[in-house]
């Protein structure tokens, strides 16, 4: 713990290259399949050298795990990816600390992507990661803002994450997201079959035990 051999888990969409050959790092990425950048983030990208298998790309649909998710993925797809890939991968790896590249590109309003997440989904993901860090590494977790391009909606997503980190619970105490109810009513927020298959492919192609 705290040594140069300490094991850390990185959850991100754009910091994978410097983790590629390091078997002390579990890299997990949830991102839109075949988006930015279009030539990276495939399920087959698993790291290299000693780090092979330690990168996990989860494109919606070890120790690199890429989870590429299909365009249009909403709350159900991300919740399923966390249940089937992210949390089980952390529990297997048992990191000494967790570093989160906290990007908001997957929000419904992002001009560079085609996902449909509300601020509540980012709150959910933050809560899941904080709870995992408490169980696995004494609560050692760092969030760094790294993306999201909607000037209108990123502040509400960021506020939701910060409120979760600060333990601000209860809608009466939280910043009101004026777009939340509309986004959550949108069709296809629930898990779709093609999204489930995308995540399940990641589970099959890695050694993640769910």
C-alpha atoms as a PDB file:
ATOM      1  CA  UNK A   1       0.000   0.000   0.000  1.00  0.00           C
ATOM      2  CA  UNK A   2       1.410   3.332  -1.012  1.00  0.00           C
ATOM      3  CA  UNK A   3       4.507   1.778  -2.610  1.00  0.00           C
ATOM      4  CA  UNK A   4       5.595   1.892  -6.235  1.00  0.00           C
ATOM      5  CA  UNK A   5       3.997  -1.545  -6.615  1.00  0.00           C
ATOM      6  CA  UNK A   6       0.638  -0.416  -5.295  1.00  0.00           C
ATOM      7  CA  UNK A   7      -2.320  -1.550  -7.351  1.00  0.00           C
ATOM      8  CA  UNK A   8      -4.723   1.051  -8.574  1.00  0.00           C
ATOM      9  CA  UNK A   9      -7.885   0.940 -10.613  1.00  0.00           C
ATOM     10  CA  UNK A  10      -8.513   3.635 -13.207  1.00  0.00           C
ATOM     11  CA  UNK A  11     -11.997   4.210 -14.587  1.00  0.00           C
ATOM     12  CA  UNK A  12     -11.791   6.482 -17.579  1.00  0.00           C
ATOM     13  CA  UNK A  13     -12.360   7.006 -21.256  1.00  0.00           C
ATOM     14  CA  UNK A  14      -9.127   8.687 -22.340  1.00  0.00           C
ATOM     15  CA  UNK A  15      -6.241   7.797 -20.020  1.00  0.00           C
ATOM     16  CA  UNK A  16      -5.666   4.205 -21.071  1.00  0.00           C
ATOM     17  CA  UNK A  17      -2.447   4.541 -23.052  1.00  0.00           C
ATOM     18  CA  UNK A  18      -0.218   5.264 -20.077  1.00  0.00           C
ATOM     19  CA  UNK A  19      -1.703   2.261 -18.237  1.00  0.00           C
ATOM     20  CA  UNK A  20      -1.340  -0.090 -21.212  1.00  0.00           C
ATOM     21  CA  UNK A  21       1.715  -2.098 -20.125  1.00  0.00           C
ATOM     22  CA  UNK A  22       1.315  -1.940 -16.341  1.00  0.00           C
ATOM     23  CA  UNK A  23      -0.030  -5.021 -14.562  1.00  0.00           C
ATOM     24  CA  UNK A  24      -0.427  -3.015 -11.357  1.00  0.00           C
ATOM     25  CA  UNK A  25      -3.247  -1.029 -12.958  1.00  0.00           C
ATOM     26  CA  UNK A  26      -6.749  -2.164 -13.829  1.00  0.00           C
ATOM     27  CA  UNK A  27      -8.123   0.166 -16.504  1.00  0.00           C
ATOM     28  CA  UNK A  28     -11.881   0.127 -17.153  1.00  0.00           C
ATOM     29  CA  UNK A  29     -13.528   2.356 -19.752  1.00  0.00           C
ATOM     30  CA  UNK A  30     -17.246   2.816 -20.427  1.00  0.00           C
ATOM     31  CA  UNK A  31     -17.803   4.784 -23.611  1.00  0.00           C
ATOM     32  CA  UNK A  32     -19.842   5.073 -26.781  1.00  0.00           C
ATOM     33  CA  UNK A  33     -18.777   2.458 -29.292  1.00  0.00           C
ATOM     34  CA  UNK A  34     -16.797   3.745 -32.286  1.00  0.00           C
ATOM     35  CA  UNK A  35     -16.996   7.395 -31.260  1.00  0.00           C
ATOM     36  CA  UNK A  36     -14.064   9.572 -30.112  1.00  0.00           C
ATOM     37  CA  UNK A  37     -11.572   8.298 -31.006  1.00  0.00           C
ATOM     38  CA  UNK A  38     -13.021   5.975 -33.607  1.00  0.00           C
ATOM     39  CA  UNK A  39      -9.927   3.742 -33.774  1.00  0.00           C
ATOM     40  CA  UNK A  40      -9.753   2.859 -30.083  1.00  0.00           C
ATOM     41  CA  UNK A  41     -11.738   1.379 -27.212  1.00  0.00           C
ATOM     42  CA  UNK A  42     -12.686  -1.996 -28.691  1.00  0.00           C
ATOM     43  CA  UNK A  43     -13.425  -4.960 -26.447  1.00  0.00           C
ATOM     44  CA  UNK A  44     -10.385  -6.695 -27.965  1.00  0.00           C
ATOM     45  CA  UNK A  45      -8.025  -4.023 -26.583  1.00  0.00           C
ATOM     46  CA  UNK A  46      -6.829  -5.682 -23.388  1.00  0.00           C
ATOM     47  CA  UNK A  47      -3.506  -3.987 -22.649  1.00  0.00           C
ATOM     48  CA  UNK A  48       0.002  -5.028 -23.655  1.00  0.00           C
ATOM     49  CA  UNK A  49       3.089  -6.648 -22.181  1.00  0.00           C
ATOM     50  CA  UNK A  50       2.717  -7.262 -18.455  1.00  0.00           C
ATOM     51  CA  UNK A  51      -0.458  -5.187 -18.588  1.00  0.00           C
ATOM     52  CA  UNK A  52      -2.251  -7.455 -21.045  1.00  0.00           C
ATOM     53  CA  UNK A  53      -5.677  -8.278 -19.688  1.00  0.00           C
ATOM     54  CA  UNK A  54      -5.688  -5.282 -17.364  1.00  0.00           C
ATOM     55  CA  UNK A  55      -7.608  -2.945 -19.678  1.00  0.00           C
ATOM     56  CA  UNK A  56     -11.367  -3.385 -19.880  1.00  0.00           C
ATOM     57  CA  UNK A  57     -13.249  -1.410 -22.512  1.00  0.00           C
ATOM     58  CA  UNK A  58     -16.977  -1.497 -22.012  1.00  0.00           C
ATOM     59  CA  UNK A  59     -18.327   0.232 -25.069  1.00  0.00           C
ATOM     60  CA  UNK A  60     -22.138   0.370 -24.347  1.00  0.00           C
ATOM     61  CA  UNK A  61     -22.003  -1.946 -25.953  1.00  0.00           C
ATOM     62  CA  UNK A  62      -7.301  -8.662 -17.974  1.00  0.00           C
ATOM     63  CA  UNK A  63      -6.335  -5.732 -16.993  1.00  0.00           C
ATOM     64  CA  UNK A  64      -7.707  -3.412 -19.584  1.00  0.00           C
ATOM     65  CA  UNK A  65     -11.468  -3.706 -19.905  1.00  0.00           C
ATOM     66  CA  UNK A  66     -13.142  -1.693 -22.642  1.00  0.00           C
ATOM     67  CA  UNK A  67     -16.919  -1.577 -22.461  1.00  0.00           C
ATOM     68  CA  UNK A  68     -18.110   0.022 -25.726  1.00  0.00           C
ATOM     69  CA  UNK A  69     -21.826   0.785 -25.457  1.00  0.00           C
ATOM     70  CA  UNK A  70     -24.142   1.335 -28.437  1.00  0.00           C
ATOM     71  CA  UNK A  71     -25.209   4.904 -29.262  1.00  0.00           C
ATOM     72  CA  UNK A  72     -28.413   5.804 -27.462  1.00  0.00           C
ATOM     73  CA  UNK A  73     -27.551   3.920 -24.279  1.00  0.00           C
ATOM     74  CA  UNK A  74     -29.333   5.192 -21.189  1.00  0.00           C
ATOM     75  CA  UNK A  75     -29.554   4.450 -17.491  1.00  0.00           C
ATOM     76  CA  UNK A  76     -30.346   0.752 -17.887  1.00  0.00           C
ATOM     77  CA  UNK A  77     -27.272   0.046 -20.003  1.00  0.00           C
ATOM     78  CA  UNK A  78     -24.887   1.826 -17.642  1.00  0.00           C
ATOM     79  CA  UNK A  79     -26.410   0.234 -14.552  1.00  0.00           C
ATOM     80  CA  UNK A  80     -26.086  -3.198 -16.183  1.00  0.00           C
ATOM     81  CA  UNK A  81     -22.456  -2.516 -17.133  1.00  0.00           C
ATOM     82  CA  UNK A  82     -21.667  -1.559 -13.547  1.00  0.00           C
ATOM     83  CA  UNK A  83     -23.390  -4.676 -12.197  1.00  0.00           C
ATOM     84  CA  UNK A  84     -21.817  -7.119 -14.653  1.00  0.00           C
ATOM     85  CA  UNK A  85     -18.381  -5.615 -15.329  1.00  0.00           C
ATOM     86  CA  UNK A  86     -17.211  -2.606 -13.326  1.00  0.00           C
ATOM     87  CA  UNK A  87     -17.938  -3.658  -9.746  1.00  0.00           C
ATOM     88  CA  UNK A  88     -17.002  -7.347 -10.246  1.00  0.00           C
ATOM     89  CA  UNK A  89     -13.725  -6.298 -11.912  1.00  0.00           C
ATOM     90  CA  UNK A  90     -12.863  -4.067  -8.964  1.00  0.00           C
ATOM     91  CA  UNK A  91     -13.698  -6.826  -6.504  1.00  0.00           C
ATOM     92  CA  UNK A  92     -11.431  -9.277  -8.332  1.00  0.00           C
ATOM     93  CA  UNK A  93      -8.549  -6.827  -8.675  1.00  0.00           C
ATOM     94  CA  UNK A  94      -8.689  -5.499  -5.091  1.00  0.00           C
ATOM     95  CA  UNK A  95      -7.049  -2.109  -5.774  1.00  0.00           C
ATOM     96  CA  UNK A  96      -5.129  -0.050  -3.247  1.00  0.00           C
ATOM     97  CA  UNK A  97      -6.939   3.022  -4.529  1.00  0.00           C
ATOM     98  CA  UNK A  98      -9.322   4.048  -7.313  1.00  0.00           C
ATOM     99  CA  UNK A  99      -8.829   6.941  -9.753  1.00  0.00           C
ATOM    100  CA  UNK A 100     -11.904   8.061 -11.691  1.00  0.00           C
ATOM    101  CA  UNK A 101     -11.644  10.160 -14.844  1.00  0.00           C
ATOM    102  CA  UNK A 102     -15.040  11.702 -14.312  1.00  0.00           C
ATOM    103  CA  UNK A 103     -16.277  12.704 -17.749  1.00  0.00           C
ATOM    104  CA  UNK A 104     -19.811  13.718 -18.648  1.00  0.00           C
ATOM    105  CA  UNK A 105     -19.694  13.059 -22.389  1.00  0.00           C
ATOM    106  CA  UNK A 106     -22.502  10.513 -22.011  1.00  0.00           C
ATOM    107  CA  UNK A 107     -25.056  13.086 -20.861  1.00  0.00           C
ATOM    108  CA  UNK A 108     -28.135  13.515 -23.021  1.00  0.00           C
ATOM    109  CA  UNK A 109     -27.081  17.048 -24.009  1.00  0.00           C
ATOM    110  CA  UNK A 110     -23.494  16.398 -25.066  1.00  0.00           C
ATOM    111  CA  UNK A 111     -22.825  17.689 -28.607  1.00  0.00           C
ATOM    112  CA  UNK A 112     -20.072  15.144 -29.338  1.00  0.00           C
ATOM    113  CA  UNK A 113     -21.844  11.935 -28.323  1.00  0.00           C
ATOM    114  CA  UNK A 114     -25.194  10.183 -28.642  1.00  0.00           C
ATOM    115  CA  UNK A 115     -25.931   8.799 -25.180  1.00  0.00           C
ATOM    116  CA  UNK A 116     -28.934   9.811 -23.058  1.00  0.00           C
ATOM    117  CA  UNK A 117     -27.780   9.909 -19.432  1.00  0.00           C
ATOM    118  CA  UNK A 118     -29.271  12.186 -16.808  1.00  0.00           C
ATOM    119  CA  UNK A 119     -27.394  13.632 -13.852  1.00  0.00           C
ATOM    120  CA  UNK A 120     -28.889  10.885 -11.680  1.00  0.00           C
ATOM    121  CA  UNK A 121     -26.961   8.211 -13.588  1.00  0.00           C
ATOM    122  CA  UNK A 122     -23.683   9.994 -12.855  1.00  0.00           C
ATOM    123  CA  UNK A 123     -24.793  10.168  -9.222  1.00  0.00           C
ATOM    124  CA  UNK A 124     -25.454   6.407  -9.307  1.00  0.00           C
ATOM    125  CA  UNK A 125     -22.030   5.644 -10.793  1.00  0.00           C
ATOM    126  CA  UNK A 126     -20.271   7.831  -8.224  1.00  0.00           C
ATOM    127  CA  UNK A 127     -22.152   6.098  -5.405  1.00  0.00           C
ATOM    128  CA  UNK A 128     -21.255   2.629  -6.704  1.00  0.00           C
ATOM    129  CA  UNK A 129     -17.572   3.532  -6.980  1.00  0.00           C
ATOM    130  CA  UNK A 130     -17.417   5.164  -3.558  1.00  0.00           C
ATOM    131  CA  UNK A 131     -19.058   2.126  -1.960  1.00  0.00           C
ATOM    132  CA  UNK A 132     -16.677  -0.217  -3.773  1.00  0.00           C
ATOM    133  CA  UNK A 133     -13.688   1.833  -2.611  1.00  0.00           C
ATOM    134  CA  UNK A 134     -14.936   1.666   0.976  1.00  0.00           C
ATOM    135  CA  UNK A 135     -15.161  -2.127   0.780  1.00  0.00           C
ATOM    136  CA  UNK A 136     -11.923  -2.734  -1.072  1.00  0.00           C
ATOM    137  CA  UNK A 137      -9.365  -0.050  -0.232  1.00  0.00           C
ATOM    138  CA  UNK A 138     -10.391   1.920   2.818  1.00  0.00           C
ATOM    139  CA  UNK A 139     -12.341   4.491   0.813  1.00  0.00           C
ATOM    140  CA  UNK A 140      -9.299   5.721  -1.120  1.00  0.00           C
ATOM    141  CA  UNK A 141     -10.787   7.192  -4.293  1.00  0.00           C
ATOM    142  CA  UNK A 142     -10.011  10.275  -6.398  1.00  0.00           C
ATOM    143  CA  UNK A 143     -12.301  11.871  -8.990  1.00  0.00           C
ATOM    144  CA  UNK A 144     -10.842  14.132 -11.703  1.00  0.00           C
ATOM    145  CA  UNK A 145     -13.100  15.969 -14.151  1.00  0.00           C
ATOM    146  CA  UNK A 146     -11.963  15.070 -17.668  1.00  0.00           C
ATOM    147  CA  UNK A 147     -14.691  15.651 -20.226  1.00  0.00           C
ATOM    148  CA  UNK A 148     -18.199  16.670 -21.165  1.00  0.00           C
ATOM    149  CA  UNK A 149     -19.029  19.463 -23.569  1.00  0.00           C
ATOM    150  CA  UNK A 150     -22.531  20.678 -22.798  1.00  0.00           C
ATOM    151  CA  UNK A 151     -22.176  24.052 -21.118  1.00  0.00           C
ATOM    152  CA  UNK A 152     -25.803  23.753 -20.054  1.00  0.00           C
ATOM    153  CA  UNK A 153     -25.815  20.278 -18.533  1.00  0.00           C
ATOM    154  CA  UNK A 154     -22.298  19.452 -17.326  1.00  0.00           C
ATOM    155  CA  UNK A 155     -22.758  21.626 -14.194  1.00  0.00           C
ATOM    156  CA  UNK A 156     -25.737  19.527 -13.072  1.00  0.00           C
ATOM    157  CA  UNK A 157     -23.883  16.268 -13.711  1.00  0.00           C
ATOM    158  CA  UNK A 158     -20.841  17.534 -11.842  1.00  0.00           C
ATOM    159  CA  UNK A 159     -22.992  18.735  -8.961  1.00  0.00           C
ATOM    160  CA  UNK A 160     -24.605  15.299  -8.675  1.00  0.00           C
ATOM    161  CA  UNK A 161     -21.193  13.627  -8.401  1.00  0.00           C
ATOM    162  CA  UNK A 162     -19.936  16.157  -5.859  1.00  0.00           C
ATOM    163  CA  UNK A 163     -23.089  15.769  -3.765  1.00  0.00           C
ATOM    164  CA  UNK A 164     -22.559  12.007  -3.681  1.00  0.00           C
ATOM    165  CA  UNK A 165     -18.925  12.452  -2.632  1.00  0.00           C
ATOM    166  CA  UNK A 166     -19.967  14.892   0.084  1.00  0.00           C
ATOM    167  CA  UNK A 167     -22.821  12.711   1.319  1.00  0.00           C
ATOM    168  CA  UNK A 168     -25.511  15.222   0.384  1.00  0.00           C
ATOM    169  CA  UNK A 169     -28.594  13.010   0.221  1.00  0.00           C
ATOM    170  CA  UNK A 170     -32.258  13.890  -0.138  1.00  0.00           C
ATOM    171  CA  UNK A 171     -33.746  15.950  -2.968  1.00  0.00           C
ATOM    172  CA  UNK A 172     -34.530  18.789  -0.578  1.00  0.00           C
ATOM    173  CA  UNK A 173     -30.794  19.263   0.030  1.00  0.00           C
ATOM    174  CA  UNK A 174     -29.558  18.723  -3.525  1.00  0.00           C
ATOM    175  CA  UNK A 175     -29.236  21.175  -6.396  1.00  0.00           C
ATOM    176  CA  UNK A 176     -32.344  20.909  -8.560  1.00  0.00           C
ATOM    177  CA  UNK A 177     -31.720  19.604 -12.071  1.00  0.00           C
ATOM    178  CA  UNK A 178     -34.439  21.319 -14.153  1.00  0.00           C
ATOM    179  CA  UNK A 179     -33.974  18.830 -17.012  1.00  0.00           C
ATOM    180  CA  UNK A 180     -34.054  15.641 -14.929  1.00  0.00           C
ATOM    181  CA  UNK A 181     -37.713  14.653 -15.081  1.00  0.00           C
ATOM    182  CA  UNK A 182     -37.894  15.122 -18.842  1.00  0.00           C
ATOM    183  CA  UNK A 183     -34.746  13.095 -19.554  1.00  0.00           C
ATOM    184  CA  UNK A 184     -35.820  10.264 -17.260  1.00  0.00           C
ATOM    185  CA  UNK A 185     -39.157  10.040 -19.108  1.00  0.00           C
ATOM    186  CA  UNK A 186     -37.474   9.509 -22.464  1.00  0.00           C
ATOM    187  CA  UNK A 187     -38.048   6.156 -24.119  1.00  0.00           C
ATOM    188  CA  UNK A 188     -35.249   3.598 -24.230  1.00  0.00           C
ATOM    189  CA  UNK A 189     -33.740   4.568 -20.889  1.00  0.00           C
ATOM    190  CA  UNK A 190     -34.300   0.968 -19.811  1.00  0.00           C
ATOM    191  CA  UNK A 191     -31.814  -1.723 -20.820  1.00  0.00           C
ATOM    192  CA  UNK A 192     -32.281  -2.791 -24.448  1.00  0.00           C
ATOM    193  CA  UNK A 193     -31.440  -6.275 -25.708  1.00  0.00           C
ATOM    194  CA  UNK A 194     -28.641  -5.112 -28.022  1.00  0.00           C
ATOM    195  CA  UNK A 195     -27.089  -3.147 -25.144  1.00  0.00           C
ATOM    196  CA  UNK A 196     -27.253  -6.205 -22.886  1.00  0.00           C
ATOM    197  CA  UNK A 197     -25.511  -8.270 -25.567  1.00  0.00           C
ATOM    198  CA  UNK A 198     -22.763  -5.655 -25.867  1.00  0.00           C
ATOM    199  CA  UNK A 199     -22.020  -5.836 -22.141  1.00  0.00           C
ATOM    200  CA  UNK A 200     -22.330  -9.615 -22.063  1.00  0.00           C
ATOM    201  CA  UNK A 201     -19.694  -9.830 -24.817  1.00  0.00           C
ATOM    202  CA  UNK A 202     -17.303  -7.987 -22.520  1.00  0.00           C
ATOM    203  CA  UNK A 203     -17.996 -10.430 -19.689  1.00  0.00           C
ATOM    204  CA  UNK A 204     -17.361 -13.409 -21.973  1.00  0.00           C
ATOM    205  CA  UNK A 205     -14.165 -11.951 -23.464  1.00  0.00           C
ATOM    206  CA  UNK A 206     -12.591 -11.106 -20.092  1.00  0.00           C
ATOM    207  CA  UNK A 207     -12.040 -13.025 -16.888  1.00  0.00           C
ATOM    208  CA  UNK A 208     -14.550 -10.943 -14.926  1.00  0.00           C
ATOM    209  CA  UNK A 209     -16.602 -13.166 -12.632  1.00  0.00           C
ATOM    210  CA  UNK A 210     -20.127 -11.870 -11.988  1.00  0.00           C
END
